[in-house]
Amino acid sequence: MSEMTFDEKRHDQLTTAPKASEADAAPRVTVDEQADGVKRIDVADTAAVRPGKTEE
């Protein structure tokens, strides 16, 4: 059996709970690497939970 990739392991771990769904394994951050090697990490627009104040 071949080794699982990081993404496969992450998906497997996040979807094995009894009430888990595919949405639980959705990416929560996006990483963009520019040509000069600088990486930008942002919270994904699709993330269910975002940092900051909650709207009241």
Protein backbone atom coordinates (compact mmCIF):
# COMPACT_ATOMS: atom_id res chain seq x y z
CA MET A 1 0.00 0.00 0.00
CA SER A 2 1.37 3.43 -0.89
CA GLU A 3 1.84 6.23 1.61
CA MET A 4 -0.99 8.73 1.90
CA THR A 5 -0.20 12.33 1.02
CA PHE A 6 -0.60 15.10 3.58
CA ASP A 7 -3.88 16.17 1.94
CA GLU A 8 -5.21 12.60 1.98
CA LYS A 9 -4.29 12.16 5.66
CA ARG A 10 -5.91 15.51 6.53
CA HIS A 11 -9.10 14.61 4.66
CA ASP A 12 -9.24 11.18 6.27
CA GLN A 13 -8.73 12.59 9.76
CA LEU A 14 -11.33 15.34 9.36
CA THR A 15 -14.05 13.11 7.90
CA THR A 16 -13.86 10.01 10.10
CA ALA A 17 -15.92 11.34 13.03
CA PRO A 18 -19.50 9.99 13.13
CA LYS A 19 -21.16 13.32 12.28
CA ALA A 20 -18.42 14.63 9.98
CA SER A 21 -19.11 15.76 6.42
CA GLU A 22 -17.03 16.66 3.38
CA ALA A 23 -17.38 20.33 4.36
CA ASP A 24 -15.29 19.61 7.46
CA ALA A 25 -12.32 18.84 5.22
CA ALA A 26 -12.68 21.98 3.09
CA PRO A 27 -9.57 24.16 3.02
CA ARG A 28 -9.62 26.94 5.61
CA VAL A 29 -6.67 28.94 4.26
CA THR A 30 -5.23 29.81 0.86
CA VAL A 31 -1.51 30.08 0.22
CA ASP A 32 -0.19 32.11 -2.70
CA GLU A 33 3.52 32.13 -3.51
CA GLN A 34 4.86 35.00 -5.57
CA ALA A 35 7.75 34.78 -8.01
CA ASP A 36 10.17 36.30 -5.49
CA GLY A 37 9.41 33.53 -2.96
CA VAL A 38 7.12 35.57 -0.71
CA LYS A 39 4.14 33.57 0.55
CA ARG A 40 0.78 35.11 1.40
CA ILE A 41 -1.56 33.13 3.65
CA ASP A 42 -5.20 34.19 3.86
CA VAL A 43 -8.32 32.75 5.45
CA ALA A 44 -10.28 31.13 2.62
CA ASP A 45 -13.48 32.87 1.54
CA THR A 46 -15.25 29.53 1.97
CA ALA A 47 -14.07 28.98 5.57
CA ALA A 48 -17.00 28.39 7.91
CA VAL A 49 -15.29 30.24 10.76
CA ARG A 50 -13.35 33.45 10.23
CA PRO A 51 -11.21 35.38 12.72
CA GLY A 52 -12.42 38.69 14.10
CA LYS A 53 -15.58 40.06 15.59
CA THR A 54 -18.86 38.32 15.02
CA GLU A 55 -21.72 40.33 13.60
CA GLU A 56 -24.44 41.00 16.11
